[in-house]
Amino acid sequence: MRPIYVVKYMEARVKSGDDLEVRDGRALGGIIRERRRSLGITQEYLAMTVGLTQRSLSLIERGETGARFDNLLDLCLALGLDLSVRVR
C-alpha cells in the first residue's frame, strides 16, 4: 500500500491551509512548480537554494524522476509548503 502525501498548499487560488492529496510524483511536482511560479522564483534560483541542478528541478516539477525524499522536503521547506503522510 502506497502512502498518501498531503501538502499544505499556500496559494492564492486555494485557501490558505487547504490540504491537497498527492498520489504520485507528477502531482507533487506540479504543486512545487505552481508554488515556485506564484512566488516569482526561477528554477535556477530555487535549485541553487536547495542544492539541486536546474535540470533536476525541472524533472521533479514534471514528475519525470524519482527524486530523493530529502530533496522533496527541502523544496517544500524553501517554498513554504508542509508535507505530511497519513494512513488511509
C-alpha atoms as a PDB file:
ATOM      1  CA  MET A   1       0.000   0.000   0.000  1.00  0.00           C
ATOM      2  CA  ARG A   2       1.434   3.373  -1.050  1.00  0.00           C
ATOM      3  CA  PRO A   3       1.167   6.243   1.415  1.00  0.00           C
ATOM      4  CA  ILE A   4      -0.789   9.351   0.607  1.00  0.00           C
ATOM      5  CA  TYR A   5       1.214  12.531   0.904  1.00  0.00           C
ATOM      6  CA  VAL A   6      -0.701  15.605   1.953  1.00  0.00           C
ATOM      7  CA  VAL A   7       0.673  19.002   1.047  1.00  0.00           C
ATOM      8  CA  LYS A   8      -0.407  22.116   2.918  1.00  0.00           C
ATOM      9  CA  TYR A   9      -0.700  24.476  -0.005  1.00  0.00           C
ATOM     10  CA  MET A  10      -0.413  28.195   0.491  1.00  0.00           C
ATOM     11  CA  GLU A  11      -1.557  29.564  -2.870  1.00  0.00           C
ATOM     12  CA  ALA A  12      -3.903  32.440  -3.601  1.00  0.00           C
ATOM     13  CA  ARG A  13      -6.302  30.327  -5.659  1.00  0.00           C
ATOM     14  CA  VAL A  14      -6.512  27.728  -2.896  1.00  0.00           C
ATOM     15  CA  LYS A  15      -7.479  28.821   0.583  1.00  0.00           C
ATOM     16  CA  SER A  16      -4.508  29.085   2.900  1.00  0.00           C
ATOM     17  CA  GLY A  17      -4.152  25.884   4.870  1.00  0.00           C
ATOM     18  CA  ASP A  18      -6.014  23.682   2.381  1.00  0.00           C
ATOM     19  CA  ASP A  19      -4.756  20.108   2.072  1.00  0.00           C
ATOM     20  CA  LEU A  20      -4.109  18.642  -1.365  1.00  0.00           C
ATOM     21  CA  GLU A  21      -3.675  14.876  -1.650  1.00  0.00           C
ATOM     22  CA  VAL A  22      -0.723  13.814  -3.738  1.00  0.00           C
ATOM     23  CA  ARG A  23      -0.645  10.265  -5.021  1.00  0.00           C
ATOM     24  CA  ASP A  24       2.230  10.471  -7.482  1.00  0.00           C
ATOM     25  CA  GLY A  25       5.342  12.424  -8.370  1.00  0.00           C
ATOM     26  CA  ARG A  26       3.691  14.313 -11.195  1.00  0.00           C
ATOM     27  CA  ALA A  27       1.076  15.824  -8.853  1.00  0.00           C
ATOM     28  CA  LEU A  28       3.678  16.845  -6.271  1.00  0.00           C
ATOM     29  CA  GLY A  29       5.914  18.264  -8.999  1.00  0.00           C
ATOM     30  CA  GLY A  30       3.006  20.319 -10.313  1.00  0.00           C
ATOM     31  CA  ILE A  31       2.360  21.773  -6.868  1.00  0.00           C
ATOM     32  CA  ILE A  32       6.042  22.625  -6.482  1.00  0.00           C
ATOM     33  CA  ARG A  33       6.060  24.296  -9.912  1.00  0.00           C
ATOM     34  CA  GLU A  34       2.871  26.322  -9.243  1.00  0.00           C
ATOM     35  CA  ARG A  35       4.117  27.469  -5.850  1.00  0.00           C
ATOM     36  CA  ARG A  36       7.524  28.463  -7.253  1.00  0.00           C
ATOM     37  CA  ARG A  37       5.879  30.467 -10.026  1.00  0.00           C
ATOM     38  CA  SER A  38       3.416  32.158  -7.656  1.00  0.00           C
ATOM     39  CA  LEU A  39       6.380  33.350  -5.581  1.00  0.00           C
ATOM     40  CA  GLY A  40       8.173  34.633  -8.682  1.00  0.00           C
ATOM     41  CA  ILE A  41      11.172  32.360  -8.149  1.00  0.00           C
ATOM     42  CA  THR A  42      13.145  30.972 -11.083  1.00  0.00           C
ATOM     43  CA  GLN A  43      14.062  27.318 -11.373  1.00  0.00           C
ATOM     44  CA  GLU A  44      17.728  28.288 -11.302  1.00  0.00           C
ATOM     45  CA  TYR A  45      17.384  30.214  -8.038  1.00  0.00           C
ATOM     46  CA  LEU A  46      15.296  27.547  -6.266  1.00  0.00           C
ATOM     47  CA  ALA A  47      17.590  24.757  -7.444  1.00  0.00           C
ATOM     48  CA  MET A  48      20.654  26.624  -6.184  1.00  0.00           C
ATOM     49  CA  THR A  49      18.926  27.330  -2.861  1.00  0.00           C
ATOM     50  CA  VAL A  50      18.261  23.636  -2.151  1.00  0.00           C
ATOM     51  CA  GLY A  51      21.425  22.223  -3.735  1.00  0.00           C
ATOM     52  CA  LEU A  52      19.977  20.793  -6.948  1.00  0.00           C
ATOM     53  CA  THR A  53      20.736  21.441 -10.578  1.00  0.00           C
ATOM     54  CA  GLN A  54      18.172  23.322 -12.650  1.00  0.00           C
ATOM     55  CA  ARG A  55      17.743  20.180 -14.764  1.00  0.00           C
ATOM     56  CA  SER A  56      16.967  18.054 -11.685  1.00  0.00           C
ATOM     57  CA  LEU A  57      14.368  20.576 -10.513  1.00  0.00           C
ATOM     58  CA  SER A  58      12.809  20.656 -13.960  1.00  0.00           C
ATOM     59  CA  LEU A  59      12.492  16.854 -13.929  1.00  0.00           C
ATOM     60  CA  ILE A  60      10.939  16.944 -10.435  1.00  0.00           C
ATOM     61  CA  GLU A  61       8.409  19.586 -11.483  1.00  0.00           C
ATOM     62  CA  ARG A  62       7.376  17.444 -14.450  1.00  0.00           C
ATOM     63  CA  GLY A  63       7.210  14.278 -12.334  1.00  0.00           C
ATOM     64  CA  GLU A  64       9.782  12.594 -14.546  1.00  0.00           C
ATOM     65  CA  THR A  65      12.207  11.469 -11.866  1.00  0.00           C
ATOM     66  CA  GLY A  66      12.212   9.504  -8.665  1.00  0.00           C
ATOM     67  CA  ALA A  67      13.507  12.373  -6.537  1.00  0.00           C
ATOM     68  CA  ARG A  68      15.106  11.692  -3.189  1.00  0.00           C
ATOM     69  CA  PHE A  69      12.707  12.324  -0.347  1.00  0.00           C
ATOM     70  CA  ASP A  70      15.088  14.705   1.397  1.00  0.00           C
ATOM     71  CA  ASN A  71      15.223  16.810  -1.791  1.00  0.00           C
ATOM     72  CA  LEU A  72      11.421  16.987  -1.847  1.00  0.00           C
ATOM     73  CA  LEU A  73      11.393  18.036   1.801  1.00  0.00           C
ATOM     74  CA  ASP A  74      13.992  20.732   1.102  1.00  0.00           C
ATOM     75  CA  LEU A  75      11.923  22.043  -1.809  1.00  0.00           C
ATOM     76  CA  CYS A  76       8.742  22.138   0.271  1.00  0.00           C
ATOM     77  CA  LEU A  77      10.553  23.941   3.091  1.00  0.00           C
ATOM     78  CA  ALA A  78      12.023  26.526   0.713  1.00  0.00           C
ATOM     79  CA  LEU A  79       8.582  27.164  -0.797  1.00  0.00           C
ATOM     80  CA  GLY A  80       6.660  27.370   2.483  1.00  0.00           C
ATOM     81  CA  LEU A  81       4.856  24.059   1.969  1.00  0.00           C
ATOM     82  CA  ASP A  82       4.241  21.444   4.670  1.00  0.00           C
ATOM     83  CA  LEU A  83       4.474  17.795   3.664  1.00  0.00           C
ATOM     84  CA  SER A  84       2.867  15.103   5.788  1.00  0.00           C
ATOM     85  CA  VAL A  85       1.910  11.453   5.426  1.00  0.00           C
ATOM     86  CA  ARG A  86      -1.299   9.897   6.670  1.00  0.00           C
ATOM     87  CA  VAL A  87      -2.569   6.334   6.686  1.00  0.00           C
ATOM     88  CA  ARG A  88      -5.693   5.788   4.651  1.00  0.00           C
END
